[in-house]
């Protein structure tokens, strides 16, 4: 059984779902196959002019993993499980499981808020 907990930010910059999903798809396509060791975080920030999107995957709790096709699904969890009133106004959050934490965070001007 996979234990996945989604934490919603519920504050900060609001962004539309479509550009956030395109960031997730692009980034995951670039990092699939990468190894992430305990305590390491792989991340990128995409700039859309009026807002940015930070995506990351971190190895936690003494674990390590190779990023696979679950990357897209895990990063979409806080997008689709938070701010559920529609496809606009997404504020992101993160998913935590036994050995990983996956963050999707829209921000403004390079900040994470």
PDB file of N, CA and C in Angstrom:
ATOM      1  N   UNK A   1       0.844  -1.190   0.000  1.00  0.00           N
ATOM      2  CA  UNK A   1       0.000   0.000   0.000  1.00  0.00           C
ATOM      3  C   UNK A   1       0.882   1.245   0.000  1.00  0.00           C
ATOM      4  N   UNK A   2       0.589   2.164  -0.881  1.00  0.00           N
ATOM      5  CA  UNK A   2       1.345   3.408  -0.956  1.00  0.00           C
ATOM      6  C   UNK A   2       0.681   4.441  -0.058  1.00  0.00           C
ATOM      7  N   UNK A   3       1.477   5.047   0.773  1.00  0.00           N
ATOM      8  CA  UNK A   3       0.976   6.053   1.696  1.00  0.00           C
ATOM      9  C   UNK A   3       1.375   7.425   1.178  1.00  0.00           C
ATOM     10  N   UNK A   4       0.423   8.166   0.665  1.00  0.00           N
ATOM     11  CA  UNK A   4       0.684   9.480   0.082  1.00  0.00           C
ATOM     12  C   UNK A   4      -0.199  10.520   0.758  1.00  0.00           C
ATOM     13  N   UNK A   5       0.428  11.565   1.266  1.00  0.00           N
ATOM     14  CA  UNK A   5      -0.292  12.637   1.937  1.00  0.00           C
ATOM     15  C   UNK A   5      -0.065  13.931   1.164  1.00  0.00           C
ATOM     16  N   UNK A   6      -1.148  14.614   0.816  1.00  0.00           N
ATOM     17  CA  UNK A   6      -1.058  15.883   0.101  1.00  0.00           C
ATOM     18  C   UNK A   6      -1.293  17.016   1.095  1.00  0.00           C
ATOM     19  N   UNK A   7      -0.403  17.993   1.086  1.00  0.00           N
ATOM     20  CA  UNK A   7      -0.531  19.196   1.909  1.00  0.00           C
ATOM     21  C   UNK A   7      -0.723  20.374   0.961  1.00  0.00           C
ATOM     22  N   UNK A   8      -1.814  21.114   1.149  1.00  0.00           N
ATOM     23  CA  UNK A   8      -2.127  22.261   0.298  1.00  0.00           C
ATOM     24  C   UNK A   8      -1.605  23.530   0.945  1.00  0.00           C
ATOM     25  N   UNK A   9      -1.047  24.432   0.131  1.00  0.00           N
ATOM     26  CA  UNK A   9      -0.587  25.710   0.675  1.00  0.00           C
ATOM     27  C   UNK A   9      -1.770  26.621   1.031  1.00  0.00           C
ATOM     28  N   UNK A  10      -2.755  26.710   0.150  1.00  0.00           N
ATOM     29  CA  UNK A  10      -3.941  27.540   0.385  1.00  0.00           C
ATOM     30  C   UNK A  10      -3.625  29.007   0.651  1.00  0.00           C
ATOM     31  N   UNK A  11      -2.492  29.487   0.157  1.00  0.00           N
ATOM     32  CA  UNK A  11      -2.162  30.907   0.228  1.00  0.00           C
ATOM     33  C   UNK A  11      -1.129  31.188  -0.859  1.00  0.00           C
ATOM     34  N   UNK A  12      -0.909  32.456  -1.114  1.00  0.00           N
ATOM     35  CA  UNK A  12       0.122  32.830  -2.072  1.00  0.00           C
ATOM     36  C   UNK A  12      -0.413  32.992  -3.487  1.00  0.00           C
ATOM     37  N   UNK A  13       0.510  32.971  -4.421  1.00  0.00           N
ATOM     38  CA  UNK A  13       0.200  33.206  -5.828  1.00  0.00           C
ATOM     39  C   UNK A  13      -0.767  32.163  -6.370  1.00  0.00           C
ATOM     40  N   UNK A  14      -1.730  32.627  -7.157  1.00  0.00           N
ATOM     41  CA  UNK A  14      -2.682  31.733  -7.816  1.00  0.00           C
ATOM     42  C   UNK A  14      -2.339  31.672  -9.296  1.00  0.00           C
ATOM     43  N   UNK A  15      -2.358  30.467  -9.852  1.00  0.00           N
ATOM     44  CA  UNK A  15      -2.037  30.281 -11.265  1.00  0.00           C
ATOM     45  C   UNK A  15      -3.016  29.294 -11.889  1.00  0.00           C
ATOM     46  N   UNK A  16      -3.129  29.356 -13.209  1.00  0.00           N
ATOM     47  CA  UNK A  16      -3.989  28.421 -13.930  1.00  0.00           C
ATOM     48  C   UNK A  16      -3.355  27.040 -13.984  1.00  0.00           C
ATOM     49  N   UNK A  17      -4.180  26.031 -14.058  1.00  0.00           N
ATOM     50  CA  UNK A  17      -3.705  24.657 -14.082  1.00  0.00           C
ATOM     51  C   UNK A  17      -2.856  24.363 -15.320  1.00  0.00           C
ATOM     52  N   UNK A  18      -3.262  24.840 -16.503  1.00  0.00           N
ATOM     53  CA  UNK A  18      -2.596  24.466 -17.759  1.00  0.00           C
ATOM     54  C   UNK A  18      -1.093  24.765 -17.763  1.00  0.00           C
ATOM     55  N   UNK A  19      -0.647  25.982 -17.422  1.00  0.00           N
ATOM     56  CA  UNK A  19       0.795  26.198 -17.423  1.00  0.00           C
ATOM     57  C   UNK A  19       1.521  25.390 -16.347  1.00  0.00           C
ATOM     58  N   UNK A  20       0.871  25.166 -15.221  1.00  0.00           N
ATOM     59  CA  UNK A  20       1.498  24.350 -14.169  1.00  0.00           C
ATOM     60  C   UNK A  20       1.716  22.924 -14.687  1.00  0.00           C
ATOM     61  N   UNK A  21       0.713  22.369 -15.361  1.00  0.00           N
ATOM     62  CA  UNK A  21       0.838  21.007 -15.890  1.00  0.00           C
ATOM     63  C   UNK A  21       1.923  20.949 -16.961  1.00  0.00           C
ATOM     64  N   UNK A  22       2.042  21.991 -17.785  1.00  0.00           N
ATOM     65  CA  UNK A  22       3.091  21.983 -18.806  1.00  0.00           C
ATOM     66  C   UNK A  22       4.474  22.018 -18.164  1.00  0.00           C
ATOM     67  N   UNK A  23       4.624  22.731 -17.047  1.00  0.00           N
ATOM     68  CA  UNK A  23       5.887  22.737 -16.300  1.00  0.00           C
ATOM     69  C   UNK A  23       6.183  21.329 -15.778  1.00  0.00           C
ATOM     70  N   UNK A  24       5.195  20.717 -15.159  1.00  0.00           N
ATOM     71  CA  UNK A  24       5.376  19.367 -14.619  1.00  0.00           C
ATOM     72  C   UNK A  24       5.801  18.406 -15.727  1.00  0.00           C
ATOM     73  N   UNK A  25       5.094  18.428 -16.841  1.00  0.00           N
ATOM     74  CA  UNK A  25       5.404  17.507 -17.941  1.00  0.00           C
ATOM     75  C   UNK A  25       6.805  17.749 -18.497  1.00  0.00           C
ATOM     76  N   UNK A  26       7.181  19.015 -18.666  1.00  0.00           N
ATOM     77  CA  UNK A  26       8.508  19.328 -19.187  1.00  0.00           C
ATOM     78  C   UNK A  26       9.589  18.868 -18.217  1.00  0.00           C
ATOM     79  N   UNK A  27       9.446  19.243 -16.954  1.00  0.00           N
ATOM     80  CA  UNK A  27      10.475  18.921 -15.965  1.00  0.00           C
ATOM     81  C   UNK A  27      10.615  17.417 -15.772  1.00  0.00           C
ATOM     82  N   UNK A  28       9.489  16.727 -15.633  1.00  0.00           N
ATOM     83  CA  UNK A  28       9.567  15.274 -15.449  1.00  0.00           C
ATOM     84  C   UNK A  28      10.243  14.623 -16.649  1.00  0.00           C
ATOM     85  N   UNK A  29       9.948  15.097 -17.852  1.00  0.00           N
ATOM     86  CA  UNK A  29      10.602  14.561 -19.041  1.00  0.00           C
ATOM     87  C   UNK A  29      12.105  14.721 -19.009  1.00  0.00           C
ATOM     88  N   UNK A  30      12.574  15.761 -18.334  1.00  0.00           N
ATOM     89  CA  UNK A  30      14.015  16.029 -18.241  1.00  0.00           C
ATOM     90  C   UNK A  30      14.700  15.207 -17.155  1.00  0.00           C
ATOM     91  N   UNK A  31      13.983  14.882 -16.069  1.00  0.00           N
ATOM     92  CA  UNK A  31      14.641  14.259 -14.915  1.00  0.00           C
ATOM     93  C   UNK A  31      14.363  12.766 -14.751  1.00  0.00           C
ATOM     94  N   UNK A  32      13.441  12.202 -15.534  1.00  0.00           N
ATOM     95  CA  UNK A  32      13.177  10.766 -15.413  1.00  0.00           C
ATOM     96  C   UNK A  32      14.486  10.009 -15.618  1.00  0.00           C
ATOM     97  N   UNK A  33      14.726   9.057 -14.734  1.00  0.00           N
ATOM     98  CA  UNK A  33      15.957   8.280 -14.768  1.00  0.00           C
ATOM     99  C   UNK A  33      17.023   8.804 -13.822  1.00  0.00           C
ATOM    100  N   UNK A  34      16.823   9.998 -13.261  1.00  0.00           N
ATOM    101  CA  UNK A  34      17.787  10.574 -12.316  1.00  0.00           C
ATOM    102  C   UNK A  34      17.673   9.896 -10.954  1.00  0.00           C
ATOM    103  N   UNK A  35      18.814   9.689 -10.322  1.00  0.00           N
ATOM    104  CA  UNK A  35      18.840   9.151  -8.956  1.00  0.00           C
ATOM    105  C   UNK A  35      18.797  10.296  -7.961  1.00  0.00           C
ATOM    106  N   UNK A  36      18.015  10.114  -6.913  1.00  0.00           N
ATOM    107  CA  UNK A  36      17.931  11.112  -5.847  1.00  0.00           C
ATOM    108  C   UNK A  36      18.287  10.387  -4.546  1.00  0.00           C
ATOM    109  N   UNK A  37      19.343  10.849  -3.908  1.00  0.00           N
ATOM    110  CA  UNK A  37      19.819  10.240  -2.672  1.00  0.00           C
ATOM    111  C   UNK A  37      19.214  10.930  -1.457  1.00  0.00           C
ATOM    112  N   UNK A  38      19.192  10.230  -0.325  1.00  0.00           N
ATOM    113  CA  UNK A  38      18.636  10.785   0.902  1.00  0.00           C
ATOM    114  C   UNK A  38      19.177  12.183   1.170  1.00  0.00           C
ATOM    115  N   UNK A  39      18.271  13.115   1.427  1.00  0.00           N
ATOM    116  CA  UNK A  39      18.636  14.490   1.725  1.00  0.00           C
ATOM    117  C   UNK A  39      18.831  15.358   0.491  1.00  0.00           C
ATOM    118  N   UNK A  40      18.797  14.774  -0.688  1.00  0.00           N
ATOM    119  CA  UNK A  40      18.998  15.526  -1.928  1.00  0.00           C
ATOM    120  C   UNK A  40      17.651  15.968  -2.483  1.00  0.00           C
ATOM    121  N   UNK A  41      17.633  17.157  -3.101  1.00  0.00           N
ATOM    122  CA  UNK A  41      16.451  17.673  -3.780  1.00  0.00           C
ATOM    123  C   UNK A  41      16.836  18.053  -5.199  1.00  0.00           C
ATOM    124  N   UNK A  42      16.054  17.587  -6.158  1.00  0.00           N
ATOM    125  CA  UNK A  42      16.208  18.052  -7.537  1.00  0.00           C
ATOM    126  C   UNK A  42      15.038  18.983  -7.803  1.00  0.00           C
ATOM    127  N   UNK A  43      15.309  20.104  -8.478  1.00  0.00           N
ATOM    128  CA  UNK A  43      14.259  21.105  -8.631  1.00  0.00           C
ATOM    129  C   UNK A  43      14.540  21.988  -9.840  1.00  0.00           C
ATOM    130  N   UNK A  44      13.515  22.738 -10.208  1.00  0.00           N
ATOM    131  CA  UNK A  44      13.646  23.765 -11.238  1.00  0.00           C
ATOM    132  C   UNK A  44      12.549  24.796 -11.008  1.00  0.00           C
ATOM    133  N   UNK A  45      12.838  26.036 -11.426  1.00  0.00           N
ATOM    134  CA  UNK A  45      11.826  27.100 -11.371  1.00  0.00           C
ATOM    135  C   UNK A  45      11.626  27.611 -12.796  1.00  0.00           C
ATOM    136  N   UNK A  46      10.391  27.593 -13.248  1.00  0.00           N
ATOM    137  CA  UNK A  46      10.032  28.063 -14.580  1.00  0.00           C
ATOM    138  C   UNK A  46       9.414  29.446 -14.454  1.00  0.00           C
ATOM    139  N   UNK A  47       9.807  30.351 -15.323  1.00  0.00           N
ATOM    140  CA  UNK A  47       9.342  31.729 -15.261  1.00  0.00           C
ATOM    141  C   UNK A  47       8.323  31.985 -16.371  1.00  0.00           C
ATOM    142  N   UNK A  48       7.124  32.382 -15.985  1.00  0.00           N
ATOM    143  CA  UNK A  48       6.070  32.728 -16.938  1.00  0.00           C
ATOM    144  C   UNK A  48       5.834  34.227 -17.008  1.00  0.00           C
ATOM    145  N   UNK A  49       6.764  35.015 -16.516  1.00  0.00           N
ATOM    146  CA  UNK A  49       6.619  36.469 -16.569  1.00  0.00           C
ATOM    147  C   UNK A  49       5.853  37.008 -15.380  1.00  0.00           C
ATOM    148  N   UNK A  50       4.548  36.759 -15.318  1.00  0.00           N
ATOM    149  CA  UNK A  50       3.748  37.251 -14.204  1.00  0.00           C
ATOM    150  C   UNK A  50       3.796  36.317 -13.001  1.00  0.00           C
ATOM    151  N   UNK A  51       4.236  35.088 -13.215  1.00  0.00           N
ATOM    152  CA  UNK A  51       4.384  34.147 -12.104  1.00  0.00           C
ATOM    153  C   UNK A  51       5.448  33.119 -12.467  1.00  0.00           C
ATOM    154  N   UNK A  52       5.916  32.408 -11.445  1.00  0.00           N
ATOM    155  CA  UNK A  52       6.869  31.322 -11.636  1.00  0.00           C
ATOM    156  C   UNK A  52       6.252  30.041 -11.089  1.00  0.00           C
ATOM    157  N   UNK A  53       6.818  28.900 -11.474  1.00  0.00           N
ATOM    158  CA  UNK A  53       6.389  27.617 -10.912  1.00  0.00           C
ATOM    159  C   UNK A  53       7.641  26.860 -10.506  1.00  0.00           C
ATOM    160  N   UNK A  54       7.720  26.530  -9.223  1.00  0.00           N
ATOM    161  CA  UNK A  54       8.796  25.716  -8.695  1.00  0.00           C
ATOM    162  C   UNK A  54       8.308  24.277  -8.593  1.00  0.00           C
ATOM    163  N   UNK A  55       9.082  23.347  -9.124  1.00  0.00           N
ATOM    164  CA  UNK A  55       8.786  21.924  -8.976  1.00  0.00           C
ATOM    165  C   UNK A  55      10.022  21.252  -8.396  1.00  0.00           C
ATOM    166  N   UNK A  56       9.797  20.258  -7.534  1.00  0.00           N
ATOM    167  CA  UNK A  56      10.946  19.565  -6.953  1.00  0.00           C
ATOM    168  C   UNK A  56      10.557  18.174  -6.479  1.00  0.00           C
ATOM    169  N   UNK A  57      11.573  17.359  -6.357  1.00  0.00           N
ATOM    170  CA  UNK A  57      11.450  16.036  -5.760  1.00  0.00           C
ATOM    171  C   UNK A  57      12.597  15.853  -4.795  1.00  0.00           C
ATOM    172  N   UNK A  58      12.312  15.408  -3.577  1.00  0.00           N
ATOM    173  CA  UNK A  58      13.340  15.252  -2.551  1.00  0.00           C
ATOM    174  C   UNK A  58      13.266  13.859  -1.952  1.00  0.00           C
ATOM    175  N   UNK A  59      14.426  13.295  -1.663  1.00  0.00           N
ATOM    176  CA  UNK A  59      14.503  12.009  -0.975  1.00  0.00           C
ATOM    177  C   UNK A  59      14.589  12.277   0.526  1.00  0.00           C
ATOM    178  N   UNK A  60      13.730  11.617   1.291  1.00  0.00           N
ATOM    179  CA  UNK A  60      13.632  11.858   2.731  1.00  0.00           C
ATOM    180  C   UNK A  60      13.645  10.533   3.493  1.00  0.00           C
ATOM    181  N   UNK A  61      13.743  10.618   4.794  1.00  0.00           N
ATOM    182  CA  UNK A  61      13.635   9.468   5.702  1.00  0.00           C
ATOM    183  C   UNK A  61      14.640   8.359   5.413  1.00  0.00           C
ATOM    184  N   UNK A  62      15.832   8.726   4.967  1.00  0.00           N
ATOM    185  CA  UNK A  62      16.865   7.723   4.739  1.00  0.00           C
ATOM    186  C   UNK A  62      16.728   6.969   3.432  1.00  0.00           C
ATOM    187  N   UNK A  63      15.776   7.350   2.621  1.00  0.00           N
ATOM    188  CA  UNK A  63      15.542   6.639   1.365  1.00  0.00           C
ATOM    189  C   UNK A  63      16.236   7.294   0.190  1.00  0.00           C
ATOM    190  N   UNK A  64      16.231   6.586  -0.907  1.00  0.00           N
ATOM    191  CA  UNK A  64      16.687   7.129  -2.184  1.00  0.00           C
ATOM    192  C   UNK A  64      15.839   6.474  -3.262  1.00  0.00           C
ATOM    193  N   UNK A  65      15.787   7.098  -4.424  1.00  0.00           N
ATOM    194  CA  UNK A  65      14.957   6.557  -5.492  1.00  0.00           C
ATOM    195  C   UNK A  65      15.446   7.052  -6.836  1.00  0.00           C
ATOM    196  N   UNK A  66      14.975   6.389  -7.880  1.00  0.00           N
ATOM    197  CA  UNK A  66      15.202   6.837  -9.247  1.00  0.00           C
ATOM    198  C   UNK A  66      13.881   7.419  -9.727  1.00  0.00           C
ATOM    199  N   UNK A  67      13.903   8.620 -10.262  1.00  0.00           N
ATOM    200  CA  UNK A  67      12.678   9.270 -10.736  1.00  0.00           C
ATOM    201  C   UNK A  67      12.147   8.485 -11.931  1.00  0.00           C
ATOM    202  N   UNK A  68      10.873   8.114 -11.836  1.00  0.00           N
ATOM    203  CA  UNK A  68      10.245   7.336 -12.907  1.00  0.00           C
ATOM    204  C   UNK A  68       8.965   8.018 -13.366  1.00  0.00           C
ATOM    205  N   UNK A  69       8.135   7.286 -14.066  1.00  0.00           N
ATOM    206  CA  UNK A  69       6.904   7.834 -14.621  1.00  0.00           C
ATOM    207  C   UNK A  69       5.915   8.349 -13.600  1.00  0.00           C
ATOM    208  N   UNK A  70       6.112   8.032 -12.335  1.00  0.00           N
ATOM    209  CA  UNK A  70       5.249   8.575 -11.286  1.00  0.00           C
ATOM    210  C   UNK A  70       5.491  10.054 -11.043  1.00  0.00           C
ATOM    211  N   UNK A  71       6.574  10.597 -11.563  1.00  0.00           N
ATOM    212  CA  UNK A  71       6.912  12.007 -11.372  1.00  0.00           C
ATOM    213  C   UNK A  71       5.718  12.902 -11.697  1.00  0.00           C
ATOM    214  N   UNK A  72       5.132  12.734 -12.874  1.00  0.00           N
ATOM    215  CA  UNK A  72       4.009  13.582 -13.293  1.00  0.00           C
ATOM    216  C   UNK A  72       2.826  13.435 -12.348  1.00  0.00           C
ATOM    217  N   UNK A  73       2.492  12.207 -12.008  1.00  0.00           N
ATOM    218  CA  UNK A  73       1.340  11.944 -11.144  1.00  0.00           C
ATOM    219  C   UNK A  73       1.536  12.564  -9.766  1.00  0.00           C
ATOM    220  N   UNK A  74       2.714  12.392  -9.189  1.00  0.00           N
ATOM    221  CA  UNK A  74       2.964  12.888  -7.840  1.00  0.00           C
ATOM    222  C   UNK A  74       2.957  14.410  -7.791  1.00  0.00           C
ATOM    223  N   UNK A  75       3.531  15.060  -8.802  1.00  0.00           N
ATOM    224  CA  UNK A  75       3.533  16.526  -8.821  1.00  0.00           C
ATOM    225  C   UNK A  75       2.154  17.103  -9.127  1.00  0.00           C
ATOM    226  N   UNK A  76       1.310  16.335  -9.805  1.00  0.00           N
ATOM    227  CA  UNK A  76      -0.048  16.802 -10.090  1.00  0.00           C
ATOM    228  C   UNK A  76      -0.982  16.663  -8.887  1.00  0.00           C
ATOM    229  N   UNK A  77      -0.643  15.827  -7.937  1.00  0.00           N
ATOM    230  CA  UNK A  77      -1.527  15.622  -6.785  1.00  0.00           C
ATOM    231  C   UNK A  77      -1.877  16.918  -6.073  1.00  0.00           C
ATOM    232  N   UNK A  78      -0.907  17.772  -5.709  1.00  0.00           N
ATOM    233  CA  UNK A  78      -1.313  19.022  -5.048  1.00  0.00           C
ATOM    234  C   UNK A  78      -2.009  20.001  -5.981  1.00  0.00           C
ATOM    235  N   UNK A  79      -1.793  19.878  -7.284  1.00  0.00           N
ATOM    236  CA  UNK A  79      -2.484  20.758  -8.236  1.00  0.00           C
ATOM    237  C   UNK A  79      -3.959  20.379  -8.298  1.00  0.00           C
ATOM    238  N   UNK A  80      -4.221  19.075  -8.389  1.00  0.00           N
ATOM    239  CA  UNK A  80      -5.598  18.614  -8.584  1.00  0.00           C
ATOM    240  C   UNK A  80      -6.352  18.338  -7.290  1.00  0.00           C
ATOM    241  N   UNK A  81      -5.638  18.202  -6.162  1.00  0.00           N
ATOM    242  CA  UNK A  81      -6.299  17.938  -4.882  1.00  0.00           C
ATOM    243  C   UNK A  81      -6.518  19.208  -4.066  1.00  0.00           C
ATOM    244  N   UNK A  82      -5.879  20.299  -4.459  1.00  0.00           N
ATOM    245  CA  UNK A  82      -5.983  21.566  -3.723  1.00  0.00           C
ATOM    246  C   UNK A  82      -6.696  22.598  -4.600  1.00  0.00           C
ATOM    247  N   UNK A  83      -7.319  23.566  -3.974  1.00  0.00           N
ATOM    248  CA  UNK A  83      -8.019  24.631  -4.716  1.00  0.00           C
ATOM    249  C   UNK A  83      -8.904  24.008  -5.792  1.00  0.00           C
ATOM    250  N   UNK A  84      -9.855  23.198  -5.363  1.00  0.00           N
ATOM    251  CA  UNK A  84     -10.648  22.365  -6.272  1.00  0.00           C
ATOM    252  C   UNK A  84     -11.864  23.062  -6.870  1.00  0.00           C
ATOM    253  N   UNK A  85     -11.951  24.376  -6.750  1.00  0.00           N
ATOM    254  CA  UNK A  85     -13.093  25.105  -7.287  1.00  0.00           C
ATOM    255  C   UNK A  85     -13.068  25.308  -8.792  1.00  0.00           C
ATOM    256  N   UNK A  86     -12.042  24.824  -9.464  1.00  0.00           N
ATOM    257  CA  UNK A  86     -11.937  24.990 -10.914  1.00  0.00           C
ATOM    258  C   UNK A  86     -10.491  24.855 -11.353  1.00  0.00           C
ATOM    259  N   UNK A  87     -10.233  25.154 -12.625  1.00  0.00           N
ATOM    260  CA  UNK A  87      -8.880  24.999 -13.162  1.00  0.00           C
ATOM    261  C   UNK A  87      -8.012  26.233 -12.932  1.00  0.00           C
ATOM    262  N   UNK A  88      -8.594  27.315 -12.436  1.00  0.00           N
ATOM    263  CA  UNK A  88      -7.843  28.532 -12.149  1.00  0.00           C
ATOM    264  C   UNK A  88      -7.620  28.658 -10.645  1.00  0.00           C
ATOM    265  N   UNK A  89      -6.718  29.511 -10.253  1.00  0.00           N
ATOM    266  CA  UNK A  89      -6.515  29.770  -8.828  1.00  0.00           C
ATOM    267  C   UNK A  89      -5.769  28.678  -8.092  1.00  0.00           C
ATOM    268  N   UNK A  90      -4.900  27.950  -8.770  1.00  0.00           N
ATOM    269  CA  UNK A  90      -4.134  26.879  -8.137  1.00  0.00           C
ATOM    270  C   UNK A  90      -2.969  27.474  -7.357  1.00  0.00           C
ATOM    271  N   UNK A  91      -2.827  27.049  -6.094  1.00  0.00           N
ATOM    272  CA  UNK A  91      -1.770  27.575  -5.238  1.00  0.00           C
ATOM    273  C   UNK A  91      -0.729  26.527  -4.868  1.00  0.00           C
ATOM    274  N   UNK A  92      -0.936  25.303  -5.298  1.00  0.00           N
ATOM    275  CA  UNK A  92       0.071  24.268  -5.102  1.00  0.00           C
ATOM    276  C   UNK A  92       0.127  23.697  -3.705  1.00  0.00           C
ATOM    277  N   UNK A  93       1.184  22.931  -3.501  1.00  0.00           N
ATOM    278  CA  UNK A  93       1.403  22.238  -2.244  1.00  0.00           C
ATOM    279  C   UNK A  93       2.444  21.157  -2.476  1.00  0.00           C
ATOM    280  N   UNK A  94       2.413  20.136  -1.628  1.00  0.00           N
ATOM    281  CA  UNK A  94       3.366  19.050  -1.799  1.00  0.00           C
ATOM    282  C   UNK A  94       2.761  17.721  -1.386  1.00  0.00           C
ATOM    283  N   UNK A  95       3.318  16.669  -1.952  1.00  0.00           N
ATOM    284  CA  UNK A  95       2.938  15.293  -1.643  1.00  0.00           C
ATOM    285  C   UNK A  95       4.102  14.677  -0.898  1.00  0.00           C
ATOM    286  N   UNK A  96       3.794  13.974   0.191  1.00  0.00           N
ATOM    287  CA  UNK A  96       4.819  13.288   0.960  1.00  0.00           C
ATOM    288  C   UNK A  96       4.454  11.815   1.060  1.00  0.00           C
ATOM    289  N   UNK A  97       5.441  10.961   0.789  1.00  0.00           N
ATOM    290  CA  UNK A  97       5.268   9.527   1.009  1.00  0.00           C
ATOM    291  C   UNK A  97       6.459   9.039   1.816  1.00  0.00           C
ATOM    292  N   UNK A  98       6.650   7.745   1.925  1.00  0.00           N
ATOM    293  CA  UNK A  98       7.657   7.207   2.828  1.00  0.00           C
ATOM    294  C   UNK A  98       9.058   7.752   2.559  1.00  0.00           C
ATOM    295  N   UNK A  99       9.469   7.796   1.298  1.00  0.00           N
ATOM    296  CA  UNK A  99      10.840   8.204   0.993  1.00  0.00           C
ATOM    297  C   UNK A  99      10.947   9.436   0.098  1.00  0.00           C
ATOM    298  N   UNK A 100       9.818  10.075  -0.232  1.00  0.00           N
ATOM    299  CA  UNK A 100       9.886  11.215  -1.138  1.00  0.00           C
ATOM    300  C   UNK A 100       8.949  12.332  -0.769  1.00  0.00           C
ATOM    301  N   UNK A 101       9.319  13.531  -1.225  1.00  0.00           N
ATOM    302  CA  UNK A 101       8.433  14.688  -1.108  1.00  0.00           C
ATOM    303  C   UNK A 101       8.475  15.437  -2.440  1.00  0.00           C
ATOM    304  N   UNK A 102       7.298  15.639  -3.030  1.00  0.00           N
ATOM    305  CA  UNK A 102       7.144  16.225  -4.362  1.00  0.00           C
ATOM    306  C   UNK A 102       6.383  17.531  -4.232  1.00  0.00           C
ATOM    307  N   UNK A 103       7.005  18.632  -4.674  1.00  0.00           N
ATOM    308  CA  UNK A 103       6.451  19.973  -4.455  1.00  0.00           C
ATOM    309  C   UNK A 103       6.128  20.652  -5.779  1.00  0.00           C
ATOM    310  N   UNK A 104       4.948  21.242  -5.833  1.00  0.00           N
ATOM    311  CA  UNK A 104       4.533  22.082  -6.955  1.00  0.00           C
ATOM    312  C   UNK A 104       4.093  23.408  -6.362  1.00  0.00           C
ATOM    313  N   UNK A 105       4.798  24.488  -6.724  1.00  0.00           N
ATOM    314  CA  UNK A 105       4.587  25.747  -6.025  1.00  0.00           C
ATOM    315  C   UNK A 105       4.616  26.946  -6.966  1.00  0.00           C
ATOM    316  N   UNK A 106       3.440  27.475  -7.340  1.00  0.00           N
ATOM    317  CA  UNK A 106       3.422  28.724  -8.094  1.00  0.00           C
ATOM    318  C   UNK A 106       3.853  29.875  -7.180  1.00  0.00           C
ATOM    319  N   UNK A 107       4.615  30.808  -7.724  1.00  0.00           N
ATOM    320  CA  UNK A 107       5.043  31.968  -6.945  1.00  0.00           C
ATOM    321  C   UNK A 107       5.085  33.191  -7.842  1.00  0.00           C
ATOM    322  N   UNK A 108       5.409  34.322  -7.254  1.00  0.00           N
ATOM    323  CA  UNK A 108       5.501  35.555  -8.048  1.00  0.00           C
ATOM    324  C   UNK A 108       6.916  36.082  -8.019  1.00  0.00           C
ATOM    325  N   UNK A 109       7.406  36.491  -9.178  1.00  0.00           N
ATOM    326  CA  UNK A 109       8.726  37.116  -9.296  1.00  0.00           C
ATOM    327  C   UNK A 109       9.835  36.291  -8.653  1.00  0.00           C
ATOM    328  N   UNK A 110       9.766  34.959  -8.807  1.00  0.00           N
ATOM    329  CA  UNK A 110      10.823  34.105  -8.306  1.00  0.00           C
ATOM    330  C   UNK A 110      10.715  33.735  -6.853  1.00  0.00           C
ATOM    331  N   UNK A 111       9.700  34.231  -6.158  1.00  0.00           N
ATOM    332  CA  UNK A 111       9.516  33.819  -4.770  1.00  0.00           C
ATOM    333  C   UNK A 111       8.604  32.604  -4.755  1.00  0.00           C
ATOM    334  N   UNK A 112       8.499  31.978  -3.616  1.00  0.00           N
ATOM    335  CA  UNK A 112       7.652  30.793  -3.494  1.00  0.00           C
ATOM    336  C   UNK A 112       6.305  31.126  -2.886  1.00  0.00           C
ATOM    337  N   UNK A 113       5.932  32.401  -2.873  1.00  0.00           N
ATOM    338  CA  UNK A 113       4.628  32.786  -2.311  1.00  0.00           C
ATOM    339  C   UNK A 113       3.821  33.488  -3.387  1.00  0.00           C
TER     340      UNK A 113
END
